[in-house]
Amino acid sequence: MNQNDIIQKTAEYIKQEFGDDSSGHDWWHIYRVWKNAAAICELEKADMFIVELAALLHDLDDWKFNASEDETPHRAKAWMEECGIEPRIIKEVCEIIMHVSYKGAHVENKMKSLEGFIVQDADRLDAIGAIGIGRAFAYGGYKNRPLYDPDSPPNLHNSFEQYKNSKSATINHFYEKLLLLKDMMNTAAAKRIAEQRHEVMLQFLDQFMCEWEGK
């Protein structure tokens, strides 16, 4: 298979795997990350094949849905080996997948490659703005979390373990992650897009708090 065939085959595989998701991490989330990553990649002149593969496979081994003893993306690696992708590319894509996720406000971003920065930005862009708001509440419902608890303030986590084990209300997630992402973007294109989406979230939170108090 050539690279285009591999990308299309991977897209079909991921569409089948995530077609029934209701947590905000469905096929359409991955589709948007894929398309945004490809658009940013064209501007940044990075390796498109690596970017597209990593974008499509980035949630396949996500810690939120898979119990694993280590961070190795076993399912993504097995898929790429099945497709006959060369070991160098498999290693680079696996490195991106392992470091793409947000792991807490005070946890170091270990992403190193330009391709990784692009996929990470595309994933983070889909976590903010109008779609980010919708996805936050979809995930909160999936995890049986309350909308808001005034007696439980946000916590800016110092470790991945703290962040992973948090069970706080969905509104806290805005302050613990979503509102921080604008300043964590890596590429110029993502930074421009994030500015507008950040404002959408601020307006939403203002309105939410007004309505919470019956105004």
N, C-alpha and C. Protein backbone atom coordinates (compact mmCIF):
# COMPACT_ATOMS: atom_id res chain seq x y z
N MET A 1 0.84 -1.21 0.00
CA MET A 1 0.00 0.00 0.00
C MET A 1 0.87 1.24 0.00
N ASN A 2 0.42 2.27 -0.76
CA ASN A 2 1.13 3.55 -0.68
C ASN A 2 0.60 4.33 0.53
N GLN A 3 1.21 5.48 0.78
CA GLN A 3 0.86 6.24 1.98
C GLN A 3 -0.59 6.70 1.98
N ASN A 4 -1.10 7.15 0.84
CA ASN A 4 -2.50 7.59 0.77
C ASN A 4 -3.46 6.44 1.09
N ASP A 5 -3.15 5.26 0.58
CA ASP A 5 -3.99 4.09 0.85
C ASP A 5 -3.98 3.74 2.34
N ILE A 6 -2.81 3.85 2.96
CA ILE A 6 -2.69 3.56 4.40
C ILE A 6 -3.52 4.54 5.21
N ILE A 7 -3.46 5.82 4.85
CA ILE A 7 -4.24 6.83 5.57
C ILE A 7 -5.73 6.56 5.44
N GLN A 8 -6.19 6.26 4.25
CA GLN A 8 -7.62 6.00 4.05
C GLN A 8 -8.06 4.72 4.77
N LYS A 9 -7.22 3.70 4.73
CA LYS A 9 -7.54 2.46 5.44
C LYS A 9 -7.58 2.70 6.95
N THR A 10 -6.66 3.51 7.45
CA THR A 10 -6.62 3.83 8.87
C THR A 10 -7.85 4.62 9.28
N ALA A 11 -8.25 5.57 8.43
CA ALA A 11 -9.45 6.36 8.72
C ALA A 11 -10.69 5.46 8.82
N GLU A 12 -10.81 4.50 7.93
CA GLU A 12 -11.95 3.58 7.97
C GLU A 12 -11.93 2.72 9.23
N TYR A 13 -10.75 2.28 9.60
CA TYR A 13 -10.58 1.48 10.82
C TYR A 13 -11.01 2.28 12.06
N ILE A 14 -10.52 3.51 12.16
CA ILE A 14 -10.83 4.35 13.31
C ILE A 14 -12.32 4.71 13.34
N LYS A 15 -12.89 4.96 12.17
CA LYS A 15 -14.32 5.27 12.10
C LYS A 15 -15.15 4.13 12.67
N GLN A 16 -14.76 2.91 12.38
CA GLN A 16 -15.47 1.75 12.92
C GLN A 16 -15.26 1.62 14.43
N GLU A 17 -14.05 1.88 14.88
CA GLU A 17 -13.72 1.71 16.30
C GLU A 17 -14.43 2.73 17.19
N PHE A 18 -14.63 3.95 16.67
CA PHE A 18 -15.15 5.04 17.49
C PHE A 18 -16.55 5.49 17.09
N GLY A 19 -17.20 4.73 16.23
CA GLY A 19 -18.50 5.15 15.71
C GLY A 19 -19.58 5.28 16.75
N ASP A 20 -19.51 4.50 17.85
CA ASP A 20 -20.57 4.50 18.86
C ASP A 20 -20.20 5.27 20.12
N ASP A 21 -19.11 5.98 20.11
CA ASP A 21 -18.67 6.70 21.32
C ASP A 21 -19.63 7.84 21.66
N SER A 22 -19.87 8.03 22.96
CA SER A 22 -20.74 9.11 23.42
C SER A 22 -20.05 10.02 24.43
N SER A 23 -18.72 9.91 24.51
CA SER A 23 -17.97 10.65 25.52
C SER A 23 -17.36 11.95 24.99
N GLY A 24 -17.60 12.25 23.70
CA GLY A 24 -16.93 13.39 23.10
C GLY A 24 -15.63 13.02 22.41
N HIS A 25 -15.30 11.72 22.44
CA HIS A 25 -14.09 11.24 21.77
C HIS A 25 -14.47 10.31 20.62
N ASP A 26 -15.49 10.69 19.89
CA ASP A 26 -16.03 9.87 18.81
C ASP A 26 -15.24 10.07 17.52
N TRP A 27 -15.71 9.40 16.45
CA TRP A 27 -15.06 9.51 15.16
C TRP A 27 -14.98 10.96 14.69
N TRP A 28 -16.01 11.74 14.93
CA TRP A 28 -16.00 13.12 14.41
C TRP A 28 -14.99 13.99 15.14
N HIS A 29 -14.73 13.70 16.41
CA HIS A 29 -13.62 14.38 17.10
C HIS A 29 -12.30 14.05 16.38
N ILE A 30 -12.09 12.77 16.13
CA ILE A 30 -10.84 12.36 15.47
C ILE A 30 -10.77 12.93 14.06
N TYR A 31 -11.89 12.96 13.37
CA TYR A 31 -11.93 13.55 12.02
C TYR A 31 -11.50 15.01 12.05
N ARG A 32 -12.02 15.77 13.02
CA ARG A 32 -11.66 17.20 13.10
C ARG A 32 -10.18 17.37 13.44
N VAL A 33 -9.68 16.56 14.35
CA VAL A 33 -8.25 16.62 14.68
C VAL A 33 -7.41 16.30 13.44
N TRP A 34 -7.81 15.29 12.72
CA TRP A 34 -7.12 14.89 11.49
C TRP A 34 -7.08 16.04 10.49
N LYS A 35 -8.21 16.66 10.22
CA LYS A 35 -8.27 17.73 9.23
C LYS A 35 -7.55 18.99 9.70
N ASN A 36 -7.69 19.35 10.97
CA ASN A 36 -6.98 20.51 11.49
C ASN A 36 -5.47 20.29 11.48
N ALA A 37 -5.06 19.07 11.85
CA ALA A 37 -3.63 18.76 11.86
C ALA A 37 -3.04 18.83 10.46
N ALA A 38 -3.78 18.33 9.47
CA ALA A 38 -3.30 18.38 8.09
C ALA A 38 -3.17 19.82 7.61
N ALA A 39 -4.14 20.67 7.97
CA ALA A 39 -4.09 22.08 7.55
C ALA A 39 -2.90 22.80 8.18
N ILE A 40 -2.67 22.55 9.47
CA ILE A 40 -1.53 23.17 10.15
C ILE A 40 -0.22 22.63 9.58
N CYS A 41 -0.20 21.34 9.27
CA CYS A 41 1.01 20.71 8.72
C CYS A 41 1.43 21.36 7.41
N GLU A 42 0.48 21.69 6.57
CA GLU A 42 0.81 22.35 5.30
C GLU A 42 1.51 23.68 5.54
N LEU A 43 1.07 24.42 6.55
CA LEU A 43 1.69 25.71 6.87
C LEU A 43 3.07 25.53 7.48
N GLU A 44 3.23 24.48 8.28
CA GLU A 44 4.48 24.27 9.01
C GLU A 44 5.51 23.46 8.22
N LYS A 45 5.09 22.90 7.08
CA LYS A 45 5.99 22.11 6.22
C LYS A 45 6.58 20.91 6.96
N ALA A 46 5.73 20.22 7.71
CA ALA A 46 6.16 19.03 8.43
C ALA A 46 5.86 17.78 7.61
N ASP A 47 6.14 16.60 8.17
CA ASP A 47 5.91 15.33 7.49
C ASP A 47 4.42 14.98 7.56
N MET A 48 3.72 15.09 6.45
CA MET A 48 2.27 14.92 6.43
C MET A 48 1.86 13.50 6.79
N PHE A 49 2.59 12.51 6.35
CA PHE A 49 2.22 11.12 6.62
C PHE A 49 2.24 10.84 8.12
N ILE A 50 3.29 11.28 8.79
CA ILE A 50 3.40 11.08 10.24
C ILE A 50 2.29 11.84 10.96
N VAL A 51 2.04 13.07 10.55
CA VAL A 51 0.99 13.89 11.18
C VAL A 51 -0.38 13.24 11.03
N GLU A 52 -0.71 12.81 9.82
CA GLU A 52 -2.03 12.22 9.59
C GLU A 52 -2.19 10.91 10.35
N LEU A 53 -1.17 10.07 10.33
CA LEU A 53 -1.24 8.80 11.07
C LEU A 53 -1.45 9.05 12.56
N ALA A 54 -0.65 9.94 13.13
CA ALA A 54 -0.74 10.22 14.57
C ALA A 54 -2.08 10.83 14.93
N ALA A 55 -2.59 11.72 14.08
CA ALA A 55 -3.89 12.33 14.35
C ALA A 55 -5.00 11.29 14.35
N LEU A 56 -4.97 10.39 13.38
CA LEU A 56 -6.01 9.37 13.29
C LEU A 56 -5.93 8.35 14.43
N LEU A 57 -4.73 8.05 14.89
CA LEU A 57 -4.55 7.00 15.90
C LEU A 57 -4.42 7.53 17.32
N HIS A 58 -4.51 8.85 17.52
CA HIS A 58 -4.11 9.43 18.80
C HIS A 58 -4.97 9.00 19.98
N ASP A 59 -6.23 8.60 19.76
CA ASP A 59 -7.10 8.21 20.87
C ASP A 59 -7.27 6.70 21.01
N LEU A 60 -6.65 5.93 20.15
CA LEU A 60 -6.88 4.48 20.14
C LEU A 60 -6.44 3.82 21.45
N ASP A 61 -5.37 4.35 22.06
CA ASP A 61 -4.87 3.80 23.32
C ASP A 61 -5.04 4.79 24.47
N ASP A 62 -5.98 5.72 24.34
CA ASP A 62 -6.14 6.78 25.35
C ASP A 62 -6.35 6.18 26.74
N TRP A 63 -5.65 6.74 27.74
CA TRP A 63 -5.74 6.23 29.12
C TRP A 63 -7.16 6.31 29.68
N LYS A 64 -7.98 7.21 29.14
CA LYS A 64 -9.34 7.36 29.66
C LYS A 64 -10.22 6.16 29.33
N PHE A 65 -9.82 5.37 28.33
CA PHE A 65 -10.66 4.27 27.89
C PHE A 65 -9.93 2.93 27.85
N ASN A 66 -8.64 2.92 28.21
CA ASN A 66 -7.87 1.69 28.15
C ASN A 66 -7.03 1.53 29.41
N ALA A 67 -7.15 0.40 30.05
CA ALA A 67 -6.30 0.09 31.20
C ALA A 67 -5.00 -0.52 30.67
N SER A 68 -3.88 0.13 30.98
CA SER A 68 -2.59 -0.35 30.47
C SER A 68 -1.53 -0.20 31.55
N GLU A 69 -0.59 -1.14 31.57
CA GLU A 69 0.48 -1.10 32.56
C GLU A 69 1.57 -0.10 32.19
N ASP A 70 1.61 0.34 30.96
CA ASP A 70 2.60 1.33 30.55
C ASP A 70 1.96 2.28 29.54
N GLU A 71 2.74 3.23 29.04
CA GLU A 71 2.22 4.24 28.13
C GLU A 71 2.33 3.84 26.67
N THR A 72 2.87 2.67 26.39
CA THR A 72 3.06 2.25 25.00
C THR A 72 1.70 2.11 24.30
N PRO A 73 1.52 2.76 23.16
CA PRO A 73 0.26 2.63 22.42
C PRO A 73 0.20 1.32 21.64
N HIS A 74 -0.10 0.24 22.34
CA HIS A 74 -0.01 -1.11 21.78
C HIS A 74 -0.92 -1.31 20.57
N ARG A 75 -2.16 -0.82 20.65
CA ARG A 75 -3.11 -1.04 19.56
C ARG A 75 -2.69 -0.26 18.31
N ALA A 76 -2.25 0.98 18.50
CA ALA A 76 -1.79 1.79 17.36
C ALA A 76 -0.56 1.16 16.72
N LYS A 77 0.35 0.70 17.55
CA LYS A 77 1.58 0.07 17.05
C LYS A 77 1.24 -1.18 16.24
N ALA A 78 0.34 -2.01 16.77
CA ALA A 78 -0.04 -3.24 16.08
C ALA A 78 -0.71 -2.93 14.74
N TRP A 79 -1.53 -1.88 14.70
CA TRP A 79 -2.19 -1.50 13.45
C TRP A 79 -1.16 -1.08 12.41
N MET A 80 -0.21 -0.24 12.80
CA MET A 80 0.79 0.24 11.85
C MET A 80 1.67 -0.90 11.35
N GLU A 81 1.99 -1.84 12.23
CA GLU A 81 2.78 -3.01 11.80
C GLU A 81 1.98 -3.83 10.79
N GLU A 82 0.68 -3.97 11.04
CA GLU A 82 -0.18 -4.70 10.11
C GLU A 82 -0.22 -4.03 8.74
N CYS A 83 -0.11 -2.70 8.72
CA CYS A 83 -0.12 -1.95 7.47
C CYS A 83 1.23 -1.94 6.77
N GLY A 84 2.25 -2.54 7.40
CA GLY A 84 3.57 -2.61 6.80
C GLY A 84 4.35 -1.30 6.83
N ILE A 85 4.05 -0.44 7.78
CA ILE A 85 4.75 0.84 7.91
C ILE A 85 6.14 0.61 8.47
N GLU A 86 7.11 1.34 7.98
CA GLU A 86 8.50 1.13 8.39
C GLU A 86 8.70 1.48 9.87
N PRO A 87 9.58 0.75 10.56
CA PRO A 87 9.76 0.91 12.02
C PRO A 87 10.07 2.34 12.46
N ARG A 88 10.83 3.09 11.65
CA ARG A 88 11.17 4.47 12.04
C ARG A 88 9.92 5.31 12.19
N ILE A 89 9.00 5.18 11.25
CA ILE A 89 7.77 5.97 11.30
C ILE A 89 6.87 5.49 12.44
N ILE A 90 6.81 4.17 12.64
CA ILE A 90 6.01 3.65 13.76
C ILE A 90 6.51 4.23 15.08
N LYS A 91 7.82 4.27 15.25
CA LYS A 91 8.40 4.81 16.48
C LYS A 91 8.04 6.28 16.66
N GLU A 92 8.13 7.07 15.59
CA GLU A 92 7.82 8.50 15.69
C GLU A 92 6.35 8.72 16.01
N VAL A 93 5.47 7.95 15.37
CA VAL A 93 4.03 8.10 15.63
C VAL A 93 3.70 7.69 17.06
N CYS A 94 4.30 6.61 17.53
CA CYS A 94 4.06 6.16 18.90
C CYS A 94 4.53 7.21 19.92
N GLU A 95 5.64 7.86 19.65
CA GLU A 95 6.13 8.92 20.53
C GLU A 95 5.12 10.06 20.62
N ILE A 96 4.54 10.43 19.49
CA ILE A 96 3.53 11.49 19.48
C ILE A 96 2.31 11.07 20.29
N ILE A 97 1.82 9.86 20.05
CA ILE A 97 0.62 9.38 20.76
C ILE A 97 0.85 9.36 22.26
N MET A 98 2.03 8.96 22.70
CA MET A 98 2.31 8.86 24.13
C MET A 98 2.32 10.21 24.83
N HIS A 99 2.63 11.28 24.07
CA HIS A 99 2.78 12.59 24.70
C HIS A 99 1.72 13.61 24.30
N VAL A 100 0.73 13.19 23.50
CA VAL A 100 -0.22 14.16 22.95
C VAL A 100 -1.18 14.70 24.00
N SER A 101 -1.55 13.87 24.98
CA SER A 101 -2.61 14.24 25.92
C SER A 101 -2.14 15.27 26.95
N TYR A 102 -3.08 16.10 27.34
CA TYR A 102 -2.90 17.01 28.48
C TYR A 102 -2.89 16.18 29.75
N LYS A 103 -1.93 16.45 30.64
CA LYS A 103 -1.79 15.61 31.83
C LYS A 103 -1.84 16.40 33.13
N GLY A 104 -2.23 17.67 33.07
CA GLY A 104 -2.32 18.48 34.28
C GLY A 104 -1.67 19.83 34.09
N ALA A 105 -2.18 20.83 34.80
CA ALA A 105 -1.74 22.22 34.59
C ALA A 105 -0.25 22.41 34.81
N HIS A 106 0.32 21.72 35.78
CA HIS A 106 1.73 21.92 36.12
C HIS A 106 2.60 20.75 35.70
N VAL A 107 2.10 19.95 34.74
CA VAL A 107 2.87 18.79 34.25
C VAL A 107 3.55 19.17 32.94
N GLU A 108 4.84 18.89 32.85
CA GLU A 108 5.64 19.27 31.68
C GLU A 108 5.12 18.62 30.40
N ASN A 109 5.09 19.40 29.33
CA ASN A 109 4.79 18.88 28.00
C ASN A 109 6.06 18.22 27.44
N LYS A 110 6.01 16.90 27.24
CA LYS A 110 7.19 16.18 26.80
C LYS A 110 7.27 15.99 25.28
N MET A 111 6.35 16.62 24.57
CA MET A 111 6.38 16.53 23.12
C MET A 111 7.64 17.21 22.58
N LYS A 112 8.28 16.57 21.58
CA LYS A 112 9.56 17.09 21.08
C LYS A 112 9.55 17.45 19.61
N SER A 113 8.78 16.74 18.79
CA SER A 113 8.88 16.92 17.34
C SER A 113 7.86 17.94 16.82
N LEU A 114 8.17 18.54 15.68
CA LEU A 114 7.22 19.46 15.05
C LEU A 114 5.92 18.75 14.71
N GLU A 115 6.03 17.54 14.19
CA GLU A 115 4.82 16.76 13.87
C GLU A 115 3.97 16.54 15.13
N GLY A 116 4.64 16.27 16.24
CA GLY A 116 3.92 16.09 17.50
C GLY A 116 3.25 17.36 17.97
N PHE A 117 3.94 18.49 17.84
CA PHE A 117 3.34 19.77 18.23
C PHE A 117 2.08 20.04 17.41
N ILE A 118 2.11 19.70 16.14
CA ILE A 118 0.97 19.94 15.25
C ILE A 118 -0.24 19.10 15.68
N VAL A 119 -0.03 17.81 15.91
CA VAL A 119 -1.13 16.94 16.33
C VAL A 119 -1.66 17.36 17.70
N GLN A 120 -0.76 17.71 18.59
CA GLN A 120 -1.18 18.17 19.91
C GLN A 120 -2.03 19.43 19.82
N ASP A 121 -1.61 20.36 18.98
CA ASP A 121 -2.39 21.59 18.80
C ASP A 121 -3.77 21.29 18.23
N ALA A 122 -3.84 20.42 17.23
CA ALA A 122 -5.12 20.08 16.62
C ALA A 122 -6.05 19.43 17.64
N ASP A 123 -5.50 18.56 18.47
CA ASP A 123 -6.30 17.91 19.51
C ASP A 123 -6.78 18.92 20.53
N ARG A 124 -5.93 19.85 20.91
CA ARG A 124 -6.29 20.86 21.91
C ARG A 124 -7.29 21.88 21.35
N LEU A 125 -7.19 22.18 20.08
CA LEU A 125 -8.17 23.09 19.48
C LEU A 125 -9.57 22.50 19.55
N ASP A 126 -9.67 21.18 19.44
CA ASP A 126 -10.99 20.55 19.49
C ASP A 126 -11.53 20.46 20.91
N ALA A 127 -10.71 20.84 21.89
CA ALA A 127 -11.14 20.84 23.29
C ALA A 127 -11.64 22.20 23.74
N ILE A 128 -11.55 23.20 22.88
CA ILE A 128 -11.97 24.56 23.27
C ILE A 128 -12.98 25.11 22.27
N GLY A 129 -13.53 26.29 22.59
CA GLY A 129 -14.55 26.87 21.73
C GLY A 129 -15.90 26.19 21.92
N ALA A 130 -16.79 26.38 20.97
CA ALA A 130 -18.16 25.85 21.07
C ALA A 130 -18.16 24.32 21.12
N ILE A 131 -17.37 23.70 20.26
CA ILE A 131 -17.31 22.24 20.27
C ILE A 131 -16.66 21.75 21.56
N GLY A 132 -15.66 22.44 22.03
CA GLY A 132 -15.03 22.07 23.29
C GLY A 132 -16.00 22.09 24.46
N ILE A 133 -16.87 23.09 24.48
CA ILE A 133 -17.91 23.17 25.52
C ILE A 133 -18.81 21.93 25.45
N GLY A 134 -19.29 21.64 24.24
CA GLY A 134 -20.15 20.47 24.07
C GLY A 134 -19.46 19.19 24.48
N ARG A 135 -18.20 19.02 24.10
CA ARG A 135 -17.46 17.81 24.42
C ARG A 135 -17.21 17.69 25.92
N ALA A 136 -16.98 18.82 26.59
CA ALA A 136 -16.74 18.79 28.04
C ALA A 136 -17.95 18.23 28.77
N PHE A 137 -19.13 18.67 28.38
CA PHE A 137 -20.34 18.19 29.06
C PHE A 137 -20.71 16.77 28.63
N ALA A 138 -20.37 16.41 27.40
CA ALA A 138 -20.58 15.02 26.98
C ALA A 138 -19.73 14.08 27.83
N TYR A 139 -18.47 14.46 28.05
CA TYR A 139 -17.58 13.61 28.85
C TYR A 139 -18.02 13.61 30.32
N GLY A 140 -18.45 14.77 30.81
CA GLY A 140 -18.93 14.84 32.18
C GLY A 140 -20.12 13.92 32.41
N GLY A 141 -21.04 13.90 31.45
CA GLY A 141 -22.18 13.00 31.54
C GLY A 141 -21.75 11.55 31.47
N TYR A 142 -20.81 11.26 30.59
CA TYR A 142 -20.28 9.90 30.43
C TYR A 142 -19.68 9.39 31.74
N LYS A 143 -19.05 10.31 32.52
CA LYS A 143 -18.41 9.95 33.78
C LYS A 143 -19.30 10.21 34.99
N ASN A 144 -20.57 10.55 34.75
CA ASN A 144 -21.54 10.81 35.83
C ASN A 144 -21.09 11.94 36.76
N ARG A 145 -20.55 13.00 36.19
CA ARG A 145 -20.10 14.13 36.98
C ARG A 145 -21.15 15.23 37.00
N PRO A 146 -21.25 15.98 38.10
CA PRO A 146 -22.22 17.09 38.14
C PRO A 146 -21.80 18.21 37.20
N LEU A 147 -22.78 19.03 36.79
CA LEU A 147 -22.44 20.20 35.99
C LEU A 147 -21.51 21.13 36.74
N TYR A 148 -21.87 21.42 37.99
CA TYR A 148 -21.14 22.43 38.76
C TYR A 148 -21.39 22.18 40.24
N ASP A 149 -20.37 22.36 41.05
CA ASP A 149 -20.50 22.25 42.49
C ASP A 149 -19.78 23.44 43.12
N PRO A 150 -20.53 24.46 43.58
CA PRO A 150 -19.89 25.65 44.15
C PRO A 150 -19.00 25.35 45.35
N ASP A 151 -19.24 24.21 46.01
CA ASP A 151 -18.45 23.87 47.19
C ASP A 151 -17.18 23.07 46.87
N SER A 152 -16.95 22.84 45.59
CA SER A 152 -15.77 22.09 45.16
C SER A 152 -14.98 22.92 44.15
N PRO A 153 -13.99 23.68 44.59
CA PRO A 153 -13.25 24.58 43.70
C PRO A 153 -12.33 23.81 42.76
N PRO A 154 -11.91 24.45 41.65
CA PRO A 154 -10.97 23.81 40.72
C PRO A 154 -9.63 23.55 41.38
N ASN A 155 -8.90 22.59 40.84
CA ASN A 155 -7.59 22.23 41.35
C ASN A 155 -6.61 22.16 40.19
N LEU A 156 -5.57 22.98 40.22
CA LEU A 156 -4.55 22.94 39.16
C LEU A 156 -3.54 21.85 39.50
N HIS A 157 -3.68 20.71 38.86
CA HIS A 157 -2.98 19.50 39.25
C HIS A 157 -1.48 19.57 39.03
N ASN A 158 -0.74 19.03 39.99
CA ASN A 158 0.72 19.02 39.92
C ASN A 158 1.28 17.74 39.33
N SER A 159 0.43 16.75 39.14
CA SER A 159 0.90 15.47 38.60
C SER A 159 -0.19 14.86 37.73
N PHE A 160 0.24 13.95 36.85
CA PHE A 160 -0.71 13.25 36.00
C PHE A 160 -1.65 12.38 36.83
N GLU A 161 -1.14 11.78 37.90
CA GLU A 161 -1.98 10.94 38.75
C GLU A 161 -3.12 11.75 39.36
N GLN A 162 -2.83 12.96 39.84
CA GLN A 162 -3.88 13.83 40.38
C GLN A 162 -4.92 14.15 39.32
N TYR A 163 -4.45 14.52 38.15
CA TYR A 163 -5.36 14.88 37.07
C TYR A 163 -6.21 13.68 36.64
N LYS A 164 -5.57 12.52 36.48
CA LYS A 164 -6.25 11.32 36.02
C LYS A 164 -7.33 10.86 37.00
N ASN A 165 -7.10 11.05 38.29
CA ASN A 165 -8.02 10.56 39.31
C ASN A 165 -9.05 11.60 39.75
N SER A 166 -9.03 12.77 39.14
CA SER A 166 -9.98 13.82 39.51
C SER A 166 -11.40 13.42 39.13
N LYS A 167 -12.34 13.75 40.01
CA LYS A 167 -13.75 13.46 39.76
C LYS A 167 -14.60 14.73 39.92
N SER A 168 -13.98 15.88 39.74
CA SER A 168 -14.66 17.14 40.00
C SER A 168 -15.66 17.48 38.90
N ALA A 169 -16.49 18.49 39.16
CA ALA A 169 -17.58 18.88 38.26
C ALA A 169 -17.05 19.37 36.91
N THR A 170 -17.91 19.32 35.92
CA THR A 170 -17.51 19.70 34.56
C THR A 170 -17.05 21.15 34.48
N ILE A 171 -17.72 22.05 35.17
CA ILE A 171 -17.30 23.46 35.12
C ILE A 171 -15.87 23.61 35.62
N ASN A 172 -15.46 22.82 36.60
CA ASN A 172 -14.07 22.88 37.07
C ASN A 172 -13.09 22.57 35.96
N HIS A 173 -13.50 21.70 35.03
CA HIS A 173 -12.62 21.29 33.93
C HIS A 173 -12.21 22.48 33.06
N PHE A 174 -13.07 23.48 32.98
CA PHE A 174 -12.71 24.68 32.22
C PHE A 174 -11.51 25.36 32.86
N TYR A 175 -11.50 25.45 34.18
CA TYR A 175 -10.43 26.16 34.88
C TYR A 175 -9.20 25.27 35.07
N GLU A 176 -9.40 23.96 35.08
CA GLU A 176 -8.29 23.04 35.28
C GLU A 176 -7.56 22.70 33.98
N LYS A 177 -8.25 22.92 32.84
CA LYS A 177 -7.63 22.57 31.56
C LYS A 177 -8.00 23.54 30.44
N LEU A 178 -9.28 23.65 30.11
CA LEU A 178 -9.69 24.26 28.85
C LEU A 178 -9.25 25.72 28.71
N LEU A 179 -9.37 26.50 29.78
CA LEU A 179 -8.97 27.91 29.70
C LEU A 179 -7.46 28.09 29.68
N LEU A 180 -6.73 27.04 29.99
CA LEU A 180 -5.26 27.10 29.97
C LEU A 180 -4.67 26.79 28.60
N LEU A 181 -5.47 26.17 27.74
CA LEU A 181 -4.93 25.65 26.48
C LEU A 181 -4.50 26.74 25.50
N LYS A 182 -5.16 27.87 25.53
CA LYS A 182 -4.79 28.97 24.60
C LYS A 182 -3.30 29.29 24.70
N ASP A 183 -2.77 29.33 25.90
CA ASP A 183 -1.37 29.70 26.09
C ASP A 183 -0.43 28.50 26.00
N MET A 184 -0.98 27.33 25.70
CA MET A 184 -0.15 26.13 25.56
C MET A 184 -0.03 25.68 24.12
N MET A 185 -0.61 26.42 23.19
CA MET A 185 -0.49 26.05 21.78
C MET A 185 0.95 26.21 21.31
N ASN A 186 1.36 25.36 20.40
CA ASN A 186 2.75 25.32 19.93
C ASN A 186 2.99 26.10 18.64
N THR A 187 2.03 26.05 17.71
CA THR A 187 2.22 26.63 16.38
C THR A 187 1.48 27.96 16.25
N ALA A 188 1.97 28.79 15.35
CA ALA A 188 1.36 30.11 15.16
C ALA A 188 -0.09 30.00 14.71
N ALA A 189 -0.37 29.07 13.82
CA ALA A 189 -1.74 28.91 13.31
C ALA A 189 -2.69 28.53 14.43
N ALA A 190 -2.29 27.60 15.28
CA ALA A 190 -3.14 27.17 16.38
C ALA A 190 -3.35 28.30 17.39
N LYS A 191 -2.32 29.08 17.62
CA LYS A 191 -2.45 30.20 18.56
C LYS A 191 -3.49 31.20 18.07
N ARG A 192 -3.53 31.46 16.76
CA ARG A 192 -4.53 32.39 16.20
C ARG A 192 -5.94 31.85 16.37
N ILE A 193 -6.14 30.59 16.06
CA ILE A 193 -7.46 29.98 16.17
C ILE A 193 -7.91 29.93 17.62
N ALA A 194 -6.98 29.64 18.53
CA ALA A 194 -7.31 29.49 19.94
C ALA A 194 -7.81 30.79 20.57
N GLU A 195 -7.34 31.91 20.11
CA GLU A 195 -7.75 33.20 20.68
C GLU A 195 -9.27 33.36 20.62
N GLN A 196 -9.86 33.13 19.45
CA GLN A 196 -11.30 33.31 19.29
C GLN A 196 -12.08 32.26 20.07
N ARG A 197 -11.61 31.03 20.05
CA ARG A 197 -12.32 29.95 20.75
C ARG A 197 -12.27 30.16 22.26
N HIS A 198 -11.18 30.71 22.74
CA HIS A 198 -11.05 31.02 24.16
C HIS A 198 -12.12 32.04 24.59
N GLU A 199 -12.34 33.03 23.77
CA GLU A 199 -13.35 34.05 24.09
C GLU A 199 -14.75 33.44 24.16
N VAL A 200 -15.04 32.49 23.28
CA VAL A 200 -16.34 31.81 23.31
C VAL A 200 -16.55 31.14 24.66
N MET A 201 -15.52 30.50 25.19
CA MET A 201 -15.65 29.83 26.48
C MET A 201 -15.84 30.82 27.63
N LEU A 202 -15.13 31.93 27.58
CA LEU A 202 -15.30 32.95 28.63
C LEU A 202 -16.72 33.49 28.64
N GLN A 203 -17.28 33.76 27.46
CA GLN A 203 -18.66 34.25 27.38
C GLN A 203 -19.64 33.21 27.91
N PHE A 204 -19.40 31.95 27.57
CA PHE A 204 -20.26 30.89 28.06
C PHE A 204 -20.24 30.81 29.58
N LEU A 205 -19.04 30.85 30.18
CA LEU A 205 -18.93 30.75 31.63
C LEU A 205 -19.61 31.92 32.33
N ASP A 206 -19.49 33.12 31.78
CA ASP A 206 -20.18 34.28 32.34
C ASP A 206 -21.69 34.05 32.35
N GLN A 207 -22.21 33.57 31.22
CA GLN A 207 -23.64 33.31 31.11
C GLN A 207 -24.07 32.18 32.04
N PHE A 208 -23.27 31.15 32.12
CA PHE A 208 -23.58 30.01 32.99
C PHE A 208 -23.72 30.46 34.44
N MET A 209 -22.76 31.25 34.91
CA MET A 209 -22.79 31.69 36.31
C MET A 209 -23.96 32.62 36.59
N CYS A 210 -24.32 33.44 35.63
CA CYS A 210 -25.50 34.31 35.79
C CYS A 210 -26.76 33.46 35.94
N GLU A 211 -26.90 32.48 35.07
CA GLU A 211 -28.09 31.63 35.12
C GLU A 211 -28.09 30.75 36.37
N TRP A 212 -26.92 30.34 36.85
CA TRP A 212 -26.84 29.52 38.05
C TRP A 212 -27.42 30.27 39.25
N GLU A 213 -27.21 31.57 39.27
CA GLU A 213 -27.71 32.42 40.38
C GLU A 213 -29.12 32.94 40.11
N GLY A 214 -29.74 32.45 39.03
CA GLY A 214 -31.12 32.83 38.73
C GLY A 214 -31.27 34.23 38.19
N LYS A 215 -30.24 34.70 37.47
CA LYS A 215 -30.30 36.06 36.90
C LYS A 215 -30.73 36.02 35.45
